[in-house]
């Protein structure tokens, strides 16, 4: 393994730890759904670190936003 590859793996590991910390702090109602997505990203990191890094970035961005469905604003009142 080249030294540069090792640095990228360390960065991915650091980001995965950050994601784990953030998932752990979520309320129980959201934690189960979000945890499944996190575990799927961890599993992907074993096989395809580049793709896992891209998914992890999207995952972390979603944690910064609202945790409800992204189309919530499109629903009419009462749906």
N, C-alpha and C. Protein backbone atom coordinates (compact mmCIF):
# COMPACT_ATOMS: atom_id res chain seq x y z
N UNK A 1 0.86 -1.17 0.00
CA UNK A 1 0.00 0.00 0.00
C UNK A 1 0.90 1.23 0.00
N UNK A 2 0.62 2.16 -0.85
CA UNK A 2 1.39 3.39 -0.94
C UNK A 2 1.07 4.28 0.25
N UNK A 3 2.02 5.14 0.57
CA UNK A 3 1.82 6.04 1.71
C UNK A 3 0.62 6.95 1.49
N UNK A 4 0.41 7.42 0.27
CA UNK A 4 -0.74 8.28 -0.01
C UNK A 4 -2.06 7.56 0.23
N UNK A 5 -2.11 6.26 -0.13
CA UNK A 5 -3.32 5.48 0.11
C UNK A 5 -3.61 5.40 1.61
N UNK A 6 -2.57 5.24 2.38
CA UNK A 6 -2.71 5.14 3.83
C UNK A 6 -3.29 6.44 4.40
N UNK A 7 -2.84 7.58 3.89
CA UNK A 7 -3.37 8.85 4.37
C UNK A 7 -4.84 8.99 4.05
N UNK A 8 -5.25 8.55 2.87
CA UNK A 8 -6.66 8.61 2.49
C UNK A 8 -7.49 7.70 3.38
N UNK A 9 -6.96 6.51 3.68
CA UNK A 9 -7.67 5.58 4.57
C UNK A 9 -7.81 6.18 5.97
N UNK A 10 -6.76 6.85 6.44
CA UNK A 10 -6.83 7.48 7.75
C UNK A 10 -7.88 8.58 7.77
N UNK A 11 -7.99 9.33 6.70
CA UNK A 11 -8.99 10.38 6.61
C UNK A 11 -10.39 9.78 6.61
N UNK A 12 -10.58 8.71 5.87
CA UNK A 12 -11.88 8.04 5.85
C UNK A 12 -12.22 7.52 7.24
N UNK A 13 -11.26 6.91 7.90
CA UNK A 13 -11.49 6.40 9.26
C UNK A 13 -11.86 7.53 10.21
N UNK A 14 -11.18 8.66 10.09
CA UNK A 14 -11.48 9.80 10.95
C UNK A 14 -12.90 10.31 10.71
N UNK A 15 -13.30 10.38 9.44
CA UNK A 15 -14.64 10.85 9.10
C UNK A 15 -15.71 9.84 9.57
N UNK A 16 -15.40 8.54 9.47
CA UNK A 16 -16.34 7.52 9.95
C UNK A 16 -16.52 7.63 11.47
N UNK A 17 -15.43 7.90 12.19
CA UNK A 17 -15.54 8.08 13.65
C UNK A 17 -16.39 9.31 13.98
N UNK A 18 -16.19 10.38 13.20
CA UNK A 18 -17.00 11.59 13.41
C UNK A 18 -18.49 11.28 13.18
N UNK A 19 -18.77 10.55 12.11
CA UNK A 19 -20.17 10.18 11.81
C UNK A 19 -20.74 9.31 12.94
N UNK A 20 -19.94 8.38 13.43
CA UNK A 20 -20.40 7.52 14.54
C UNK A 20 -20.76 8.34 15.76
N UNK A 21 -19.92 9.30 16.09
CA UNK A 21 -20.16 10.16 17.24
C UNK A 21 -21.47 10.93 17.06
N UNK A 22 -21.69 11.43 15.87
CA UNK A 22 -22.90 12.21 15.62
C UNK A 22 -24.15 11.35 15.64
N UNK A 23 -24.06 10.14 15.11
CA UNK A 23 -25.22 9.22 15.14
C UNK A 23 -25.55 8.84 16.57
N UNK A 24 -24.53 8.58 17.36
CA UNK A 24 -24.73 8.18 18.74
C UNK A 24 -25.46 9.24 19.55
N UNK A 25 -25.29 10.51 19.20
CA UNK A 25 -25.91 11.61 19.94
C UNK A 25 -27.34 11.91 19.52
N UNK A 26 -27.83 11.24 18.49
CA UNK A 26 -29.18 11.49 17.99
C UNK A 26 -30.23 10.95 18.96
N UNK A 27 -31.42 11.54 18.93
CA UNK A 27 -32.53 10.98 19.72
C UNK A 27 -32.88 9.58 19.21
N UNK A 28 -33.41 8.76 20.07
CA UNK A 28 -33.69 7.36 19.73
C UNK A 28 -34.61 7.22 18.53
N UNK A 29 -35.53 8.14 18.34
CA UNK A 29 -36.48 8.04 17.23
C UNK A 29 -35.78 8.08 15.87
N UNK A 30 -34.74 8.86 15.75
CA UNK A 30 -34.01 8.95 14.48
C UNK A 30 -32.82 8.01 14.40
N UNK A 31 -32.32 7.60 15.54
CA UNK A 31 -31.06 6.86 15.58
C UNK A 31 -31.12 5.53 14.82
N UNK A 32 -32.21 4.80 14.90
CA UNK A 32 -32.28 3.49 14.26
C UNK A 32 -32.14 3.58 12.74
N UNK A 33 -32.90 4.47 12.13
CA UNK A 33 -32.85 4.63 10.67
C UNK A 33 -31.48 5.12 10.22
N UNK A 34 -30.96 6.10 10.91
CA UNK A 34 -29.68 6.69 10.54
C UNK A 34 -28.54 5.69 10.79
N UNK A 35 -28.65 4.90 11.84
CA UNK A 35 -27.62 3.91 12.15
C UNK A 35 -27.49 2.87 11.04
N UNK A 36 -28.60 2.46 10.47
CA UNK A 36 -28.55 1.49 9.38
C UNK A 36 -27.78 2.05 8.18
N UNK A 37 -28.03 3.30 7.88
CA UNK A 37 -27.32 3.93 6.77
C UNK A 37 -25.82 4.04 7.08
N UNK A 38 -25.49 4.37 8.31
CA UNK A 38 -24.08 4.46 8.72
C UNK A 38 -23.39 3.10 8.60
N UNK A 39 -24.03 2.05 9.05
CA UNK A 39 -23.44 0.71 8.98
C UNK A 39 -23.23 0.30 7.52
N UNK A 40 -24.16 0.65 6.65
CA UNK A 40 -24.01 0.34 5.23
C UNK A 40 -22.78 1.05 4.64
N UNK A 41 -22.55 2.28 5.06
CA UNK A 41 -21.38 3.02 4.58
C UNK A 41 -20.10 2.37 5.11
N UNK A 42 -20.10 1.94 6.36
CA UNK A 42 -18.93 1.26 6.93
C UNK A 42 -18.64 -0.03 6.17
N UNK A 43 -19.66 -0.78 5.83
CA UNK A 43 -19.49 -2.01 5.08
C UNK A 43 -18.91 -1.71 3.69
N UNK A 44 -19.41 -0.68 3.05
CA UNK A 44 -18.91 -0.29 1.74
C UNK A 44 -17.45 0.15 1.81
N UNK A 45 -17.05 0.76 2.91
CA UNK A 45 -15.67 1.24 3.07
C UNK A 45 -14.67 0.09 3.02
N UNK A 46 -15.09 -1.09 3.39
CA UNK A 46 -14.19 -2.26 3.34
C UNK A 46 -13.91 -2.67 1.90
N UNK A 47 -14.88 -2.46 1.01
CA UNK A 47 -14.75 -2.91 -0.37
C UNK A 47 -14.37 -1.80 -1.34
N UNK A 48 -14.91 -0.60 -1.12
CA UNK A 48 -14.71 0.50 -2.06
C UNK A 48 -14.59 1.81 -1.29
N UNK A 49 -13.40 2.11 -0.79
CA UNK A 49 -13.23 3.30 0.05
C UNK A 49 -13.59 4.62 -0.64
N UNK A 50 -13.33 4.73 -1.93
CA UNK A 50 -13.64 5.98 -2.63
C UNK A 50 -15.15 6.22 -2.69
N UNK A 51 -15.88 5.19 -3.01
CA UNK A 51 -17.34 5.32 -3.06
C UNK A 51 -17.91 5.55 -1.66
N UNK A 52 -17.34 4.88 -0.67
CA UNK A 52 -17.79 5.06 0.71
C UNK A 52 -17.55 6.50 1.16
N UNK A 53 -16.41 7.08 0.76
CA UNK A 53 -16.12 8.46 1.13
C UNK A 53 -17.16 9.41 0.56
N UNK A 54 -17.56 9.18 -0.68
CA UNK A 54 -18.58 10.02 -1.31
C UNK A 54 -19.91 9.88 -0.59
N UNK A 55 -20.28 8.65 -0.26
CA UNK A 55 -21.55 8.44 0.45
C UNK A 55 -21.49 9.02 1.86
N UNK A 56 -20.32 8.93 2.48
CA UNK A 56 -20.16 9.47 3.82
C UNK A 56 -20.33 10.99 3.83
N UNK A 57 -19.80 11.65 2.81
CA UNK A 57 -19.98 13.11 2.71
C UNK A 57 -21.46 13.46 2.61
N UNK A 58 -22.18 12.73 1.78
CA UNK A 58 -23.62 12.99 1.65
C UNK A 58 -24.34 12.69 2.96
N UNK A 59 -23.93 11.64 3.63
CA UNK A 59 -24.53 11.26 4.91
C UNK A 59 -24.31 12.35 5.95
N UNK A 60 -23.08 12.84 6.06
CA UNK A 60 -22.79 13.89 7.02
C UNK A 60 -23.56 15.17 6.70
N UNK A 61 -23.70 15.47 5.41
CA UNK A 61 -24.47 16.65 5.01
C UNK A 61 -25.93 16.49 5.41
N UNK A 62 -26.45 15.26 5.29
CA UNK A 62 -27.85 15.03 5.67
C UNK A 62 -28.04 15.17 7.17
N UNK A 63 -27.01 14.87 7.95
CA UNK A 63 -27.11 15.04 9.40
C UNK A 63 -27.15 16.51 9.78
N UNK A 64 -26.58 17.36 8.94
CA UNK A 64 -26.60 18.80 9.21
C UNK A 64 -27.97 19.40 8.95
N UNK A 65 -28.74 18.77 8.07
CA UNK A 65 -30.07 19.27 7.71
C UNK A 65 -31.15 18.64 8.57
N UNK A 66 -32.39 18.87 8.18
CA UNK A 66 -33.50 18.25 8.92
C UNK A 66 -33.49 16.73 8.74
N UNK A 67 -33.86 16.01 9.78
CA UNK A 67 -33.80 14.55 9.74
C UNK A 67 -35.09 13.92 9.22
N UNK A 68 -36.01 14.72 8.75
CA UNK A 68 -37.25 14.18 8.21
C UNK A 68 -37.08 13.97 6.71
N UNK A 69 -38.15 13.53 6.08
CA UNK A 69 -38.07 13.27 4.65
C UNK A 69 -37.80 14.55 3.89
N UNK A 70 -36.97 14.50 2.84
CA UNK A 70 -36.63 15.72 2.11
C UNK A 70 -37.81 16.31 1.34
N UNK A 71 -38.85 15.57 1.09
CA UNK A 71 -40.00 16.07 0.34
C UNK A 71 -41.12 16.56 1.24
N UNK A 72 -40.82 16.72 2.49
CA UNK A 72 -41.85 17.14 3.43
C UNK A 72 -42.55 18.42 2.98
N UNK A 73 -41.82 19.38 2.43
CA UNK A 73 -42.41 20.64 2.00
C UNK A 73 -43.34 20.51 0.81
N UNK A 74 -43.24 19.41 0.06
CA UNK A 74 -44.09 19.20 -1.09
C UNK A 74 -45.47 18.64 -0.74
N UNK A 75 -45.60 18.10 0.45
CA UNK A 75 -46.86 17.50 0.86
C UNK A 75 -47.85 18.60 1.24
N UNK A 76 -49.11 18.37 0.92
CA UNK A 76 -50.14 19.30 1.33
C UNK A 76 -50.46 19.07 2.80
N UNK A 77 -50.98 20.09 3.45
CA UNK A 77 -51.31 19.97 4.86
C UNK A 77 -52.32 18.84 5.07
N UNK A 78 -52.00 17.97 6.02
CA UNK A 78 -52.90 16.86 6.34
C UNK A 78 -52.48 15.55 5.69
N UNK A 79 -51.49 15.58 4.82
CA UNK A 79 -51.02 14.32 4.20
C UNK A 79 -50.13 13.58 5.15
